Amino acid sequence: MSSQGTPLALRARYYISPEQKARIDSDNYFALGAAHTWNIHIGEGLARSFPQMLGTVFQSVQEASGPEDLGDADALIVPEIQFFDVTGGGFVSRLTLKVRARGTDGAIQVTDLFEGTPRQGKGGTAWLGGAMAGETALRQSAEFAFEDILPKIATRLREAFVAPPPKPSANVL
């Protein structure tokens, strides 16, 4: 995951609910055989990828104990998977995350929905390799979705938490 500059001198906490961590999206994919249900552990992907992304934005990142646990941090970030889908024989994933962030004054600084539609995975030929290849292709598709969406979130968080530069005052030399 690429970093977009030096981490901000802020402390962040994040909370991913147990329901989000345990989220599994299941479906049948024609290219892999409609008789088999494929499980994509999308919650595991969120729990693994999101803290890494936060580390590129904030100087310090810790997991919070609950959705209101700001503690002594400058920001509390609560991601939530709104929608996840894999479409087509190439397994193009679409992922929508809702991210809420609060500053130290308790006011919500950011409440945004982010959508990622990454490049195609290798699903079109995954069926040739059997079940393991299919699972790998679907997992890769989910990872590609996170790779697409997390830099957008990092950019938005930077915009929200970087103070605008002071405006020069008139009549000052």
N, C-alpha and C. Protein backbone atom coordinates (compact mmCIF):
# COMPACT_ATOMS: atom_id res chain seq x y z
N MET A 1 0.86 -1.17 0.00
CA MET A 1 0.00 0.00 0.00
C MET A 1 0.90 1.23 0.00
N SER A 2 0.73 2.07 -0.94
CA SER A 2 1.62 3.22 -1.06
C SER A 2 1.24 4.33 -0.09
N SER A 3 2.25 4.94 0.44
CA SER A 3 2.05 6.05 1.36
C SER A 3 2.06 7.34 0.56
N GLN A 4 1.19 8.25 0.92
CA GLN A 4 1.11 9.51 0.20
C GLN A 4 1.71 10.62 1.05
N GLY A 5 2.98 10.49 1.38
CA GLY A 5 3.64 11.50 2.18
C GLY A 5 3.90 11.03 3.59
N THR A 6 4.40 11.93 4.40
CA THR A 6 4.72 11.65 5.79
C THR A 6 3.43 11.53 6.60
N PRO A 7 3.37 10.55 7.51
CA PRO A 7 2.18 10.45 8.35
C PRO A 7 1.95 11.74 9.14
N LEU A 8 0.68 12.07 9.33
CA LEU A 8 0.32 13.26 10.09
C LEU A 8 0.68 13.07 11.57
N ALA A 9 1.07 14.13 12.23
CA ALA A 9 1.45 14.07 13.64
C ALA A 9 0.18 14.00 14.51
N LEU A 10 -0.61 12.97 14.25
CA LEU A 10 -1.86 12.75 14.97
C LEU A 10 -1.94 11.29 15.39
N ARG A 11 -2.67 11.07 16.48
CA ARG A 11 -2.90 9.70 16.95
C ARG A 11 -4.31 9.29 16.54
N ALA A 12 -4.41 8.11 15.96
CA ALA A 12 -5.71 7.61 15.53
C ALA A 12 -6.03 6.29 16.21
N ARG A 13 -7.31 6.08 16.42
CA ARG A 13 -7.82 4.80 16.87
C ARG A 13 -8.83 4.36 15.84
N TYR A 14 -9.00 3.07 15.70
CA TYR A 14 -9.99 2.55 14.77
C TYR A 14 -10.78 1.46 15.46
N TYR A 15 -12.01 1.32 15.03
CA TYR A 15 -12.86 0.25 15.57
C TYR A 15 -13.55 -0.45 14.41
N ILE A 16 -13.31 -1.74 14.31
CA ILE A 16 -13.99 -2.58 13.34
C ILE A 16 -14.85 -3.54 14.16
N SER A 17 -16.15 -3.47 13.98
CA SER A 17 -17.07 -4.27 14.79
C SER A 17 -16.84 -5.77 14.55
N PRO A 18 -17.19 -6.59 15.54
CA PRO A 18 -17.06 -8.05 15.34
C PRO A 18 -17.86 -8.53 14.13
N GLU A 19 -19.01 -7.91 13.87
CA GLU A 19 -19.82 -8.29 12.71
C GLU A 19 -19.09 -8.00 11.40
N GLN A 20 -18.41 -6.85 11.37
CA GLN A 20 -17.65 -6.50 10.16
C GLN A 20 -16.45 -7.45 9.99
N LYS A 21 -15.75 -7.76 11.08
CA LYS A 21 -14.60 -8.65 11.00
C LYS A 21 -14.99 -10.05 10.54
N ALA A 22 -16.19 -10.48 10.92
CA ALA A 22 -16.64 -11.83 10.60
C ALA A 22 -17.38 -11.91 9.28
N ARG A 23 -17.53 -10.81 8.58
CA ARG A 23 -18.34 -10.79 7.37
C ARG A 23 -17.77 -11.72 6.29
N ILE A 24 -18.63 -12.55 5.78
CA ILE A 24 -18.29 -13.45 4.69
C ILE A 24 -19.36 -13.27 3.62
N ASP A 25 -18.95 -13.02 2.41
CA ASP A 25 -19.89 -12.94 1.30
C ASP A 25 -19.82 -14.26 0.55
N SER A 26 -20.97 -14.88 0.37
CA SER A 26 -21.05 -16.18 -0.29
C SER A 26 -21.90 -16.07 -1.54
N ASP A 27 -21.48 -16.80 -2.57
CA ASP A 27 -22.24 -16.80 -3.82
C ASP A 27 -21.76 -17.96 -4.69
N ASN A 28 -22.50 -18.22 -5.74
CA ASN A 28 -22.09 -19.19 -6.75
C ASN A 28 -21.62 -18.40 -7.96
N TYR A 29 -20.50 -18.80 -8.54
CA TYR A 29 -19.95 -18.12 -9.70
C TYR A 29 -19.91 -19.11 -10.86
N PHE A 30 -20.57 -18.75 -11.93
CA PHE A 30 -20.78 -19.65 -13.06
C PHE A 30 -19.46 -20.26 -13.57
N ALA A 31 -18.44 -19.43 -13.69
CA ALA A 31 -17.17 -19.92 -14.24
C ALA A 31 -16.53 -20.99 -13.36
N LEU A 32 -16.89 -20.98 -12.08
CA LEU A 32 -16.29 -21.95 -11.15
C LEU A 32 -17.23 -23.12 -10.87
N GLY A 33 -18.40 -23.12 -11.46
CA GLY A 33 -19.36 -24.20 -11.21
C GLY A 33 -20.45 -23.73 -10.27
N ALA A 34 -21.66 -23.61 -10.77
CA ALA A 34 -22.77 -23.07 -9.99
C ALA A 34 -23.16 -23.97 -8.83
N ALA A 35 -22.71 -25.21 -8.84
CA ALA A 35 -23.08 -26.12 -7.76
C ALA A 35 -22.29 -25.87 -6.48
N HIS A 36 -21.26 -25.09 -6.57
CA HIS A 36 -20.40 -24.84 -5.41
C HIS A 36 -20.61 -23.42 -4.90
N THR A 37 -20.72 -23.28 -3.59
CA THR A 37 -20.82 -21.95 -2.98
C THR A 37 -19.42 -21.52 -2.57
N TRP A 38 -19.03 -20.33 -3.03
CA TRP A 38 -17.71 -19.80 -2.73
C TRP A 38 -17.84 -18.73 -1.66
N ASN A 39 -16.98 -18.79 -0.67
CA ASN A 39 -17.00 -17.83 0.43
C ASN A 39 -15.83 -16.86 0.31
N ILE A 40 -16.14 -15.58 0.40
CA ILE A 40 -15.10 -14.56 0.37
C ILE A 40 -15.08 -13.93 1.75
N HIS A 41 -13.98 -14.09 2.46
CA HIS A 41 -13.85 -13.58 3.83
C HIS A 41 -13.47 -12.09 3.77
N ILE A 42 -14.43 -11.29 3.37
CA ILE A 42 -14.18 -9.87 3.15
C ILE A 42 -13.88 -9.14 4.45
N GLY A 43 -14.46 -9.59 5.56
CA GLY A 43 -14.19 -8.97 6.87
C GLY A 43 -12.74 -9.14 7.29
N GLU A 44 -12.17 -10.30 7.00
CA GLU A 44 -10.76 -10.52 7.30
C GLU A 44 -9.89 -9.56 6.50
N GLY A 45 -10.28 -9.33 5.24
CA GLY A 45 -9.54 -8.37 4.41
C GLY A 45 -9.59 -6.97 4.98
N LEU A 46 -10.76 -6.56 5.47
CA LEU A 46 -10.89 -5.24 6.08
C LEU A 46 -10.02 -5.14 7.33
N ALA A 47 -10.11 -6.16 8.20
CA ALA A 47 -9.35 -6.14 9.45
C ALA A 47 -7.85 -6.15 9.22
N ARG A 48 -7.40 -6.76 8.12
CA ARG A 48 -5.97 -6.81 7.82
C ARG A 48 -5.50 -5.54 7.12
N SER A 49 -6.28 -5.04 6.17
CA SER A 49 -5.83 -3.94 5.32
C SER A 49 -6.04 -2.55 5.92
N PHE A 50 -7.15 -2.35 6.63
CA PHE A 50 -7.49 -1.01 7.09
C PHE A 50 -6.46 -0.43 8.07
N PRO A 51 -6.03 -1.18 9.10
CA PRO A 51 -5.01 -0.62 10.00
C PRO A 51 -3.70 -0.28 9.29
N GLN A 52 -3.31 -1.09 8.29
CA GLN A 52 -2.10 -0.79 7.53
C GLN A 52 -2.23 0.54 6.81
N MET A 53 -3.41 0.77 6.20
CA MET A 53 -3.65 2.03 5.49
C MET A 53 -3.58 3.20 6.46
N LEU A 54 -4.19 3.04 7.64
CA LEU A 54 -4.17 4.13 8.63
C LEU A 54 -2.75 4.49 9.03
N GLY A 55 -1.88 3.49 9.07
CA GLY A 55 -0.48 3.73 9.40
C GLY A 55 0.24 4.61 8.39
N THR A 56 -0.28 4.71 7.18
CA THR A 56 0.31 5.60 6.18
C THR A 56 -0.18 7.04 6.35
N VAL A 57 -1.26 7.23 7.12
CA VAL A 57 -1.86 8.55 7.30
C VAL A 57 -1.52 9.16 8.65
N PHE A 58 -1.58 8.35 9.71
CA PHE A 58 -1.41 8.85 11.07
C PHE A 58 -0.11 8.34 11.69
N GLN A 59 0.44 9.14 12.59
CA GLN A 59 1.71 8.79 13.24
C GLN A 59 1.55 7.59 14.17
N SER A 60 0.41 7.50 14.83
CA SER A 60 0.16 6.42 15.77
C SER A 60 -1.23 5.86 15.50
N VAL A 61 -1.35 4.53 15.47
CA VAL A 61 -2.63 3.87 15.20
C VAL A 61 -2.82 2.75 16.22
N GLN A 62 -3.98 2.78 16.89
CA GLN A 62 -4.32 1.74 17.86
C GLN A 62 -5.76 1.30 17.65
N GLU A 63 -6.04 0.06 17.98
CA GLU A 63 -7.41 -0.43 17.91
C GLU A 63 -8.18 0.07 19.13
N ALA A 64 -9.40 0.52 18.92
CA ALA A 64 -10.27 0.99 20.00
C ALA A 64 -11.11 -0.18 20.51
N SER A 65 -11.63 -0.05 21.73
CA SER A 65 -12.44 -1.11 22.31
C SER A 65 -13.90 -1.03 21.90
N GLY A 66 -14.31 0.10 21.33
CA GLY A 66 -15.70 0.26 20.92
C GLY A 66 -15.85 1.43 19.98
N PRO A 67 -17.04 1.61 19.40
CA PRO A 67 -17.25 2.65 18.40
C PRO A 67 -17.26 4.08 18.95
N GLU A 68 -17.19 4.24 20.26
CA GLU A 68 -17.13 5.57 20.87
C GLU A 68 -15.82 5.79 21.63
N ASP A 69 -14.90 4.84 21.58
CA ASP A 69 -13.67 4.87 22.37
C ASP A 69 -12.58 5.71 21.70
N LEU A 70 -12.70 7.02 21.83
CA LEU A 70 -11.68 7.93 21.29
C LEU A 70 -10.42 7.89 22.15
N GLY A 71 -10.59 7.65 23.46
CA GLY A 71 -9.44 7.62 24.36
C GLY A 71 -8.68 8.92 24.29
N ASP A 72 -7.35 8.85 24.23
CA ASP A 72 -6.52 10.06 24.14
C ASP A 72 -6.09 10.34 22.70
N ALA A 73 -6.75 9.70 21.74
CA ALA A 73 -6.39 9.88 20.33
C ALA A 73 -7.00 11.16 19.77
N ASP A 74 -6.48 11.56 18.63
CA ASP A 74 -6.99 12.74 17.93
C ASP A 74 -8.16 12.40 17.01
N ALA A 75 -8.24 11.14 16.62
CA ALA A 75 -9.30 10.73 15.70
C ALA A 75 -9.70 9.29 15.99
N LEU A 76 -10.98 9.02 15.82
CA LEU A 76 -11.52 7.67 15.91
C LEU A 76 -12.15 7.37 14.55
N ILE A 77 -11.71 6.28 13.94
CA ILE A 77 -12.18 5.95 12.60
C ILE A 77 -12.90 4.60 12.66
N VAL A 78 -14.13 4.59 12.14
CA VAL A 78 -14.96 3.38 12.16
C VAL A 78 -15.35 3.02 10.73
N PRO A 79 -14.68 2.04 10.12
CA PRO A 79 -15.04 1.63 8.76
C PRO A 79 -16.17 0.59 8.79
N GLU A 80 -16.97 0.58 7.75
CA GLU A 80 -18.05 -0.39 7.65
C GLU A 80 -18.23 -0.76 6.18
N ILE A 81 -18.23 -2.05 5.88
CA ILE A 81 -18.47 -2.50 4.52
C ILE A 81 -19.96 -2.35 4.25
N GLN A 82 -20.30 -1.51 3.28
CA GLN A 82 -21.70 -1.30 2.92
C GLN A 82 -22.15 -2.31 1.86
N PHE A 83 -21.25 -2.62 0.94
CA PHE A 83 -21.63 -3.46 -0.19
C PHE A 83 -20.38 -4.11 -0.74
N PHE A 84 -20.49 -5.37 -1.08
CA PHE A 84 -19.39 -6.05 -1.75
C PHE A 84 -19.99 -6.98 -2.78
N ASP A 85 -19.43 -6.99 -3.97
CA ASP A 85 -19.92 -7.86 -5.02
C ASP A 85 -18.78 -8.20 -5.95
N VAL A 86 -18.83 -9.40 -6.49
CA VAL A 86 -17.89 -9.82 -7.51
C VAL A 86 -18.70 -10.10 -8.76
N THR A 87 -18.31 -9.48 -9.87
CA THR A 87 -19.11 -9.62 -11.08
C THR A 87 -18.27 -10.13 -12.24
N GLY A 88 -18.90 -10.89 -13.11
CA GLY A 88 -18.27 -11.29 -14.36
C GLY A 88 -17.25 -12.40 -14.22
N GLY A 89 -16.92 -13.00 -15.35
CA GLY A 89 -15.95 -14.09 -15.39
C GLY A 89 -14.56 -13.67 -14.97
N GLY A 90 -14.26 -12.37 -15.04
CA GLY A 90 -12.95 -11.89 -14.63
C GLY A 90 -12.89 -11.52 -13.17
N PHE A 91 -14.02 -11.68 -12.46
CA PHE A 91 -14.11 -11.35 -11.04
C PHE A 91 -13.62 -9.96 -10.72
N VAL A 92 -14.34 -8.98 -11.20
CA VAL A 92 -14.09 -7.59 -10.86
C VAL A 92 -14.88 -7.30 -9.60
N SER A 93 -14.20 -6.91 -8.56
CA SER A 93 -14.87 -6.65 -7.28
C SER A 93 -15.30 -5.21 -7.16
N ARG A 94 -16.46 -5.00 -6.55
CA ARG A 94 -16.92 -3.66 -6.20
C ARG A 94 -17.12 -3.63 -4.71
N LEU A 95 -16.50 -2.69 -4.06
CA LEU A 95 -16.54 -2.59 -2.60
C LEU A 95 -16.90 -1.16 -2.23
N THR A 96 -17.86 -1.01 -1.33
CA THR A 96 -18.22 0.32 -0.84
C THR A 96 -18.02 0.31 0.67
N LEU A 97 -17.23 1.25 1.16
CA LEU A 97 -16.97 1.38 2.60
C LEU A 97 -17.52 2.70 3.10
N LYS A 98 -18.15 2.68 4.25
CA LYS A 98 -18.54 3.91 4.92
C LYS A 98 -17.50 4.15 6.01
N VAL A 99 -16.93 5.34 6.04
CA VAL A 99 -15.92 5.66 7.04
C VAL A 99 -16.39 6.87 7.84
N ARG A 100 -16.47 6.70 9.16
CA ARG A 100 -16.80 7.81 10.05
C ARG A 100 -15.54 8.14 10.82
N ALA A 101 -15.21 9.41 10.94
CA ALA A 101 -14.05 9.82 11.72
C ALA A 101 -14.47 10.95 12.64
N ARG A 102 -14.00 10.92 13.86
CA ARG A 102 -14.30 11.97 14.82
C ARG A 102 -13.00 12.59 15.32
N GLY A 103 -13.04 13.89 15.50
CA GLY A 103 -11.89 14.59 16.05
C GLY A 103 -12.00 14.68 17.57
N THR A 104 -11.04 15.35 18.20
CA THR A 104 -11.00 15.41 19.66
C THR A 104 -12.18 16.17 20.26
N ASP A 105 -12.80 17.05 19.51
CA ASP A 105 -13.94 17.78 20.06
C ASP A 105 -15.22 16.96 19.99
N GLY A 106 -15.15 15.72 19.51
CA GLY A 106 -16.32 14.85 19.44
C GLY A 106 -17.15 15.04 18.19
N ALA A 107 -16.87 16.08 17.42
CA ALA A 107 -17.62 16.32 16.19
C ALA A 107 -17.14 15.36 15.11
N ILE A 108 -18.05 14.88 14.32
CA ILE A 108 -17.66 14.02 13.22
C ILE A 108 -17.00 14.87 12.15
N GLN A 109 -15.77 14.53 11.84
CA GLN A 109 -15.00 15.27 10.84
C GLN A 109 -15.29 14.76 9.44
N VAL A 110 -15.48 13.45 9.32
CA VAL A 110 -15.64 12.83 8.02
C VAL A 110 -16.74 11.77 8.13
N THR A 111 -17.67 11.77 7.24
CA THR A 111 -18.61 10.67 7.06
C THR A 111 -18.78 10.52 5.56
N ASP A 112 -18.09 9.58 4.99
CA ASP A 112 -18.08 9.43 3.54
C ASP A 112 -18.26 7.99 3.13
N LEU A 113 -18.79 7.81 1.95
CA LEU A 113 -18.85 6.50 1.31
C LEU A 113 -17.79 6.47 0.22
N PHE A 114 -17.03 5.40 0.15
CA PHE A 114 -15.99 5.25 -0.85
C PHE A 114 -16.28 3.99 -1.64
N GLU A 115 -16.15 4.07 -2.95
CA GLU A 115 -16.38 2.90 -3.79
C GLU A 115 -15.13 2.58 -4.58
N GLY A 116 -14.79 1.32 -4.61
CA GLY A 116 -13.64 0.87 -5.38
C GLY A 116 -14.04 -0.17 -6.40
N THR A 117 -13.59 -0.03 -7.61
CA THR A 117 -13.78 -1.03 -8.65
C THR A 117 -12.42 -1.23 -9.31
N PRO A 118 -11.67 -2.21 -8.88
CA PRO A 118 -10.30 -2.38 -9.34
C PRO A 118 -10.20 -3.13 -10.66
N ARG A 119 -8.97 -3.36 -11.06
CA ARG A 119 -8.71 -4.15 -12.26
C ARG A 119 -9.24 -5.56 -12.05
N GLN A 120 -9.38 -6.29 -13.13
CA GLN A 120 -9.92 -7.64 -13.07
C GLN A 120 -8.95 -8.61 -12.42
N GLY A 121 -9.53 -9.56 -11.68
CA GLY A 121 -8.76 -10.68 -11.14
C GLY A 121 -8.64 -11.76 -12.21
N LYS A 122 -8.11 -12.91 -11.83
CA LYS A 122 -7.86 -13.98 -12.79
C LYS A 122 -8.99 -15.00 -12.82
N GLY A 123 -10.19 -14.59 -12.49
CA GLY A 123 -11.31 -15.51 -12.39
C GLY A 123 -11.69 -16.19 -13.68
N GLY A 124 -11.44 -15.57 -14.81
CA GLY A 124 -11.84 -16.13 -16.08
C GLY A 124 -11.23 -17.49 -16.36
N THR A 125 -10.04 -17.73 -15.85
CA THR A 125 -9.39 -19.03 -16.05
C THR A 125 -9.27 -19.83 -14.76
N ALA A 126 -9.79 -19.31 -13.67
CA ALA A 126 -9.64 -19.98 -12.37
C ALA A 126 -10.29 -21.35 -12.34
N TRP A 127 -11.37 -21.52 -13.07
CA TRP A 127 -12.08 -22.80 -13.04
C TRP A 127 -11.22 -23.95 -13.53
N LEU A 128 -10.21 -23.64 -14.35
CA LEU A 128 -9.33 -24.70 -14.85
C LEU A 128 -8.50 -25.32 -13.73
N GLY A 129 -8.25 -24.55 -12.68
CA GLY A 129 -7.40 -25.04 -11.61
C GLY A 129 -8.15 -25.67 -10.45
N GLY A 130 -9.46 -25.78 -10.53
CA GLY A 130 -10.23 -26.42 -9.47
C GLY A 130 -10.54 -25.48 -8.33
N ALA A 131 -10.95 -26.07 -7.21
CA ALA A 131 -11.45 -25.30 -6.07
C ALA A 131 -10.43 -24.34 -5.49
N MET A 132 -9.21 -24.78 -5.34
CA MET A 132 -8.19 -23.90 -4.73
C MET A 132 -7.94 -22.68 -5.61
N ALA A 133 -7.86 -22.87 -6.90
CA ALA A 133 -7.64 -21.75 -7.81
C ALA A 133 -8.82 -20.79 -7.75
N GLY A 134 -10.04 -21.33 -7.65
CA GLY A 134 -11.22 -20.48 -7.55
C GLY A 134 -11.21 -19.65 -6.29
N GLU A 135 -10.93 -20.27 -5.15
CA GLU A 135 -10.86 -19.54 -3.89
C GLU A 135 -9.78 -18.46 -3.96
N THR A 136 -8.65 -18.80 -4.54
CA THR A 136 -7.55 -17.84 -4.67
C THR A 136 -7.97 -16.67 -5.55
N ALA A 137 -8.66 -16.94 -6.65
CA ALA A 137 -9.09 -15.87 -7.55
C ALA A 137 -10.08 -14.94 -6.85
N LEU A 138 -10.99 -15.49 -6.08
CA LEU A 138 -11.97 -14.66 -5.37
C LEU A 138 -11.31 -13.84 -4.27
N ARG A 139 -10.38 -14.45 -3.54
CA ARG A 139 -9.65 -13.72 -2.49
C ARG A 139 -8.85 -12.59 -3.12
N GLN A 140 -8.22 -12.87 -4.25
CA GLN A 140 -7.44 -11.85 -4.96
C GLN A 140 -8.34 -10.71 -5.42
N SER A 141 -9.52 -11.03 -5.88
CA SER A 141 -10.47 -10.02 -6.32
C SER A 141 -10.84 -9.08 -5.17
N ALA A 142 -11.06 -9.65 -3.99
CA ALA A 142 -11.37 -8.83 -2.82
C ALA A 142 -10.18 -7.96 -2.45
N GLU A 143 -8.98 -8.51 -2.49
CA GLU A 143 -7.78 -7.73 -2.18
C GLU A 143 -7.59 -6.59 -3.16
N PHE A 144 -7.86 -6.84 -4.44
CA PHE A 144 -7.77 -5.78 -5.44
C PHE A 144 -8.77 -4.66 -5.13
N ALA A 145 -9.95 -5.03 -4.65
CA ALA A 145 -10.95 -4.02 -4.31
C ALA A 145 -10.43 -3.13 -3.18
N PHE A 146 -9.82 -3.74 -2.17
CA PHE A 146 -9.25 -2.95 -1.08
C PHE A 146 -8.10 -2.09 -1.57
N GLU A 147 -7.25 -2.63 -2.44
CA GLU A 147 -6.14 -1.85 -2.98
C GLU A 147 -6.63 -0.60 -3.71
N ASP A 148 -7.79 -0.70 -4.34
CA ASP A 148 -8.35 0.43 -5.07
C ASP A 148 -8.97 1.47 -4.14
N ILE A 149 -9.63 1.01 -3.09
CA ILE A 149 -10.42 1.92 -2.26
C ILE A 149 -9.61 2.58 -1.14
N LEU A 150 -8.65 1.87 -0.56
CA LEU A 150 -7.96 2.42 0.61
C LEU A 150 -7.13 3.66 0.34
N PRO A 151 -6.46 3.80 -0.80
CA PRO A 151 -5.78 5.07 -1.07
C PRO A 151 -6.74 6.26 -1.15
N LYS A 152 -7.96 6.02 -1.64
CA LYS A 152 -8.98 7.08 -1.67
C LYS A 152 -9.34 7.52 -0.26
N ILE A 153 -9.47 6.55 0.63
CA ILE A 153 -9.79 6.87 2.03
C ILE A 153 -8.63 7.62 2.67
N ALA A 154 -7.40 7.17 2.42
CA ALA A 154 -6.23 7.83 2.98
C ALA A 154 -6.17 9.29 2.54
N THR A 155 -6.42 9.54 1.26
CA THR A 155 -6.41 10.90 0.74
C THR A 155 -7.47 11.75 1.41
N ARG A 156 -8.67 11.19 1.57
CA ARG A 156 -9.78 11.94 2.20
C ARG A 156 -9.48 12.24 3.66
N LEU A 157 -8.91 11.29 4.39
CA LEU A 157 -8.56 11.52 5.79
C LEU A 157 -7.49 12.60 5.91
N ARG A 158 -6.51 12.56 5.02
CA ARG A 158 -5.48 13.61 5.04
C ARG A 158 -6.11 14.99 4.83
N GLU A 159 -7.03 15.08 3.87
CA GLU A 159 -7.71 16.35 3.61
C GLU A 159 -8.48 16.83 4.84
N ALA A 160 -9.12 15.91 5.53
CA ALA A 160 -9.96 16.28 6.67
C ALA A 160 -9.14 16.71 7.89
N PHE A 161 -7.97 16.10 8.08
CA PHE A 161 -7.22 16.35 9.30
C PHE A 161 -6.02 17.27 9.15
N VAL A 162 -5.71 17.68 7.94
CA VAL A 162 -4.63 18.66 7.74
C VAL A 162 -5.25 20.05 7.83
N ALA A 163 -4.74 20.85 8.72
CA ALA A 163 -5.26 22.21 8.86
C ALA A 163 -4.88 23.03 7.64
N PRO A 164 -5.80 23.86 7.14
CA PRO A 164 -5.46 24.71 6.00
C PRO A 164 -4.37 25.71 6.41
N PRO A 165 -3.52 26.10 5.48
CA PRO A 165 -2.47 27.06 5.82
C PRO A 165 -3.09 28.40 6.20
N PRO A 166 -2.44 29.13 7.11
CA PRO A 166 -2.99 30.43 7.52
C PRO A 166 -3.01 31.39 6.33
N LYS A 167 -4.05 32.19 6.28
CA LYS A 167 -4.17 33.18 5.19
C LYS A 167 -3.35 34.41 5.56
N PRO A 168 -2.60 34.94 4.59
CA PRO A 168 -1.84 36.15 4.89
C PRO A 168 -2.81 37.30 5.14
N SER A 169 -2.48 38.08 6.14
CA SER A 169 -3.35 39.21 6.42
C SER A 169 -2.95 40.41 5.55
N ALA A 170 -3.95 41.20 5.23
CA ALA A 170 -3.71 42.40 4.41
C ALA A 170 -2.95 43.44 5.22
N ASN A 171 -2.26 44.28 4.55
CA ASN A 171 -1.52 45.39 5.16
C ASN A 171 -0.33 44.94 5.99
N VAL A 172 0.12 43.74 5.81
CA VAL A 172 1.30 43.25 6.55
C VAL A 172 2.42 43.09 5.54
N LEU A 173 3.56 43.67 5.84
CA LEU A 173 4.69 43.58 4.93
C LEU A 173 5.63 42.49 5.34
